[in-house]
Amino acid sequence: MTETITLDMLQSAGVGALALVVGMIMTRKIHWLQKFCIPSPVSGGILFSLATLAIYVLCGVEVSFDGTLKDVFMLAFFTSVGFQSNLKVLRQGGRTLVIMLCLLVIIIAIQNFMPLGITKALGVNPLVGMAAGSISMAG
């Protein structure tokens, strides 16, 4: 039988802060995390996820978190992810970055026009096709 450890709002925020600090330390110490611009919350979060997985698999203990502050912290995270990028890093991308950007534009165009064509062929309202395009992926 699985035992559950339930953390309240403050404990959950504290564990999240700890994961963030560990991620910051990891990003400073591990060169390839910096090289590939992996944000500290991501590296700390992955390590924390692996730790909770190990606790679950090895000890049979499930950790449950209070999600009250989840939306606030997710908004802060996704707002701040781009802060680590700068022109120097973008210039280093060079030709590969331009190719990736061009492919991305093509994929987005396909992602928008294909559902519209399918809805037209099926006689469905085109708004359904738009909802199936990149609009729904905008976040």
Protein backbone atom coordinates (compact mmCIF):
# COMPACT_ATOMS: atom_id res chain seq x y z
CA MET A 1 0.00 0.00 0.00
CA THR A 2 1.26 3.46 -0.89
CA GLU A 3 1.86 5.96 1.88
CA THR A 4 1.28 9.63 1.07
CA ILE A 5 3.13 12.63 2.42
CA THR A 6 1.01 15.74 1.99
CA LEU A 7 2.70 19.13 1.99
CA ASP A 8 0.73 22.30 2.68
CA MET A 9 1.06 25.57 0.76
CA LEU A 10 4.11 26.88 2.63
CA GLN A 11 5.90 23.55 2.61
CA SER A 12 5.24 23.18 -1.11
CA ALA A 13 6.57 26.68 -1.77
CA GLY A 14 9.62 25.93 0.39
CA VAL A 15 10.37 22.74 -1.51
CA GLY A 16 9.95 24.66 -4.76
CA ALA A 17 12.36 27.34 -3.55
CA LEU A 18 14.84 24.65 -2.56
CA ALA A 19 14.55 23.08 -6.02
CA LEU A 20 15.15 26.51 -7.56
CA VAL A 21 18.28 27.13 -5.47
CA VAL A 22 19.61 23.66 -6.27
CA GLY A 23 18.91 24.37 -9.94
CA MET A 24 20.82 27.64 -9.72
CA ILE A 25 23.80 25.86 -8.21
CA MET A 26 23.62 23.11 -10.83
CA THR A 27 23.44 25.63 -13.65
CA ARG A 28 26.52 27.43 -12.34
CA LYS A 29 28.53 24.25 -11.82
CA ILE A 30 27.55 22.17 -14.87
CA HIS A 31 28.89 23.79 -18.02
CA TRP A 32 26.53 22.20 -20.56
CA LEU A 33 23.48 23.52 -18.70
CA GLN A 34 24.83 27.02 -19.32
CA LYS A 35 25.88 26.18 -22.86
CA PHE A 36 22.38 25.06 -23.83
CA CYS A 37 20.68 27.85 -21.81
CA ILE A 38 18.79 25.48 -19.52
CA PRO A 39 17.02 27.67 -16.94
CA SER A 40 17.68 27.02 -13.27
CA PRO A 41 14.04 26.16 -12.50
CA VAL A 42 14.13 23.48 -15.18
CA SER A 43 17.35 21.83 -14.01
CA GLY A 44 16.28 21.97 -10.36
CA GLY A 45 12.79 20.76 -11.22
CA ILE A 46 14.07 17.78 -13.17
CA LEU A 47 16.38 16.80 -10.32
CA PHE A 48 13.54 17.18 -7.83
CA SER A 49 11.20 15.14 -10.05
CA LEU A 50 13.75 12.36 -10.23
CA ALA A 51 14.18 12.48 -6.45
CA THR A 52 10.43 12.17 -5.83
CA LEU A 53 10.28 9.36 -8.38
CA ALA A 54 13.06 7.54 -6.55
CA ILE A 55 11.25 7.98 -3.23
CA TYR A 56 8.08 6.59 -4.77
CA VAL A 57 9.74 3.63 -6.49
CA LEU A 58 12.15 2.67 -3.71
CA CYS A 59 10.08 3.49 -0.61
CA GLY A 60 6.52 3.40 -1.91
CA VAL A 61 5.91 6.92 -0.59
CA GLU A 62 3.94 9.38 -2.69
CA VAL A 63 4.50 13.10 -2.17
CA SER A 64 1.45 15.32 -2.61
CA PHE A 65 1.75 19.09 -2.96
CA ASP A 66 -0.73 21.87 -2.32
CA GLY A 67 -1.43 23.56 -5.65
CA THR A 68 -2.69 26.91 -4.33
CA LEU A 69 0.33 28.87 -5.56
CA LYS A 70 0.90 26.77 -8.68
CA ASP A 71 -0.62 29.24 -11.13
CA VAL A 72 1.26 32.19 -9.63
CA PHE A 73 4.60 30.40 -9.82
CA MET A 74 3.93 29.04 -13.30
CA LEU A 75 3.16 32.54 -14.51
CA ALA A 76 6.38 33.83 -12.94
CA PHE A 77 8.38 30.97 -14.46
CA PHE A 78 7.10 31.32 -18.01
CA THR A 79 7.45 35.08 -17.82
CA SER A 80 11.06 34.84 -16.73
CA VAL A 81 12.31 32.03 -19.00
CA GLY A 82 13.25 34.43 -21.78
CA PHE A 83 15.26 36.67 -19.46
CA GLN A 84 18.31 34.43 -19.81
CA SER A 85 18.56 34.92 -23.55
CA ASN A 86 20.60 37.75 -24.97
CA LEU A 87 21.86 38.92 -28.36
CA LYS A 88 25.28 37.34 -27.83
CA VAL A 89 23.72 33.90 -27.42
CA LEU A 90 21.39 34.47 -30.38
CA ARG A 91 24.32 35.48 -32.60
CA GLN A 92 26.14 32.29 -31.64
CA GLY A 93 23.21 30.34 -33.07
CA GLY A 94 24.07 31.73 -36.50
CA ARG A 95 22.94 29.81 -39.55
CA THR A 96 21.41 26.98 -37.53
CA LEU A 97 19.17 29.41 -35.69
CA VAL A 98 18.02 31.00 -38.96
CA ILE A 99 17.23 27.56 -40.42
CA MET A 100 15.31 26.62 -37.29
CA LEU A 101 13.37 29.89 -37.43
CA CYS A 102 12.46 29.32 -41.09
CA LEU A 103 11.32 25.76 -40.38
CA LEU A 104 9.29 27.01 -37.44
CA VAL A 105 7.50 29.58 -39.60
CA ILE A 106 6.71 26.89 -42.18
CA ILE A 107 5.42 24.49 -39.53
CA ILE A 108 3.21 27.17 -37.98
CA ALA A 109 1.77 28.00 -41.41
CA ILE A 110 1.04 24.32 -42.06
CA GLN A 111 -0.42 24.00 -38.58
CA ASN A 112 -2.82 26.86 -39.36
CA PHE A 113 -3.80 26.08 -42.95
CA MET A 114 -4.19 22.31 -42.66
CA PRO A 115 -7.03 22.38 -40.10
CA LEU A 116 -8.80 25.09 -42.09
CA GLY A 117 -8.60 22.95 -45.23
CA ILE A 118 -9.84 19.89 -43.38
CA THR A 119 -12.79 21.75 -41.87
CA LYS A 120 -13.70 23.16 -45.28
CA ALA A 121 -13.54 19.69 -46.84
CA LEU A 122 -15.70 18.26 -44.07
CA GLY A 123 -18.14 21.16 -44.08
CA VAL A 124 -17.39 22.08 -40.48
CA ASN A 125 -17.32 25.62 -39.15
CA PRO A 126 -13.88 27.15 -39.95
CA LEU A 127 -13.61 28.43 -36.38
CA VAL A 128 -13.18 24.83 -35.29
CA GLY A 129 -10.22 24.60 -37.66
CA MET A 130 -8.73 27.78 -36.26
CA ALA A 131 -9.06 26.40 -32.75
CA ALA A 132 -7.15 23.32 -33.89
CA GLY A 133 -4.32 25.44 -35.30
CA SER A 134 -1.53 27.31 -33.58
CA ILE A 135 -3.99 29.48 -31.64
CA SER A 136 -4.53 26.67 -29.17
CA MET A 137 -0.77 26.26 -28.79
CA ALA A 138 -0.14 29.91 -27.93
CA GLY A 139 -0.35 29.21 -24.23
